[in-house]
Amino acid sequence: MIEINIHEAKTHLSKHLNRLKPGERIILCKRHVPVAEIRLLEPKQEKKRVIGLAKGQFTVPPSFFEPLPTEVLEGFYSVE
């Protein structure tokens, strides 16, 4: 456990976080009275994404590839 005052935390927080090990915590104090704690979070386990998971569930209609109507295009380029 690391106890530091708020001023020390503002000045050297990166240094203290680099020293922090799993299970340890930093206790933030205001005039030597504990007010908060900082601890490491568990690393997020990312799941691999499967390619083609929704294959065959939908189709892109041919109209998707047609040009947008003029009034819609004008909305993108008009200057007010």
Protein backbone atom coordinates (compact mmCIF):
# COMPACT_ATOMS: atom_id res chain seq x y z
CA MET A 1 0.00 0.00 0.00
CA ILE A 2 1.29 3.43 -0.96
CA GLU A 3 0.00 6.47 0.93
CA ILE A 4 0.48 9.84 -0.73
CA ASN A 5 -0.97 13.29 -0.30
CA ILE A 6 -2.97 14.84 -3.13
CA HIS A 7 -0.20 17.31 -4.02
CA GLU A 8 2.27 14.43 -4.39
CA ALA A 9 -0.25 12.53 -6.52
CA LYS A 10 -0.76 15.50 -8.84
CA THR A 11 2.97 15.88 -9.22
CA HIS A 12 4.11 12.25 -9.53
CA LEU A 13 1.03 10.12 -10.30
CA SER A 14 2.60 8.43 -13.34
CA LYS A 15 5.62 7.36 -11.30
CA HIS A 16 3.43 5.88 -8.56
CA LEU A 17 1.16 4.07 -11.05
CA ASN A 18 4.20 2.47 -12.70
CA ARG A 19 5.32 1.12 -9.30
CA LEU A 20 1.87 -0.27 -8.48
CA LYS A 21 1.61 -4.07 -8.57
CA PRO A 22 -1.58 -6.17 -8.87
CA GLY A 23 -3.34 -6.28 -5.51
CA GLU A 24 -1.64 -3.13 -4.24
CA ARG A 25 -3.38 0.20 -3.92
CA ILE A 26 -2.53 3.86 -3.61
CA ILE A 27 -4.28 5.67 -0.77
CA LEU A 28 -4.82 9.37 -1.51
CA CYS A 29 -4.74 11.56 1.57
CA LYS A 30 -5.81 15.12 2.23
CA ARG A 31 -3.66 16.48 5.06
CA HIS A 32 -2.70 12.92 5.97
CA VAL A 33 -6.34 11.78 6.20
CA PRO A 34 -7.27 9.01 3.69
CA VAL A 35 -9.94 10.16 1.22
CA ALA A 36 -9.68 7.79 -1.78
CA GLU A 37 -7.85 4.81 -3.18
CA ILE A 38 -6.48 3.87 -6.59
CA ARG A 39 -5.99 0.27 -7.66
CA LEU A 40 -5.11 -1.53 -10.89
CA LEU A 41 -7.98 -2.86 -12.97
CA GLU A 42 -8.09 -6.39 -14.32
CA PRO A 43 -6.95 -6.46 -17.96
CA LYS A 44 -9.91 -6.64 -20.32
CA GLN A 45 -10.15 -9.98 -22.07
CA GLU A 46 -10.92 -9.27 -25.70
CA LYS A 47 -12.90 -11.88 -27.58
CA LYS A 48 -11.85 -12.69 -31.10
CA ARG A 49 -14.41 -11.64 -33.66
CA VAL A 50 -15.56 -14.35 -36.03
CA ILE A 51 -15.65 -13.28 -39.68
CA GLY A 52 -18.86 -14.05 -41.52
CA LEU A 53 -20.97 -14.60 -38.42
CA ALA A 54 -24.08 -13.03 -40.05
CA LYS A 55 -23.52 -14.56 -43.49
CA GLY A 56 -26.82 -15.16 -45.26
CA GLN A 57 -28.89 -13.23 -42.70
CA PHE A 58 -29.28 -10.12 -44.87
CA THR A 59 -28.60 -8.92 -48.39
CA VAL A 60 -27.65 -5.51 -49.71
CA PRO A 61 -30.32 -4.34 -52.17
CA PRO A 62 -29.18 -3.03 -55.58
CA SER A 63 -30.69 0.38 -54.73
CA PHE A 64 -27.93 0.80 -52.14
CA PHE A 65 -25.43 1.38 -54.94
CA GLU A 66 -27.56 3.96 -56.80
CA PRO A 67 -26.65 7.66 -56.50
CA LEU A 68 -28.36 9.63 -53.76
CA PRO A 69 -31.20 11.99 -54.73
CA THR A 70 -30.16 15.55 -55.62
CA GLU A 71 -31.92 17.09 -52.58
CA VAL A 72 -29.96 14.82 -50.24
CA LEU A 73 -26.64 15.62 -51.94
CA GLU A 74 -27.38 19.35 -51.75
CA GLY A 75 -27.73 18.98 -47.98
CA PHE A 76 -24.12 17.87 -47.75
CA TYR A 77 -22.71 20.71 -49.86
CA SER A 78 -24.96 23.71 -49.19
CA VAL A 79 -23.43 26.68 -47.44
CA GLU A 80 -25.64 28.78 -45.22
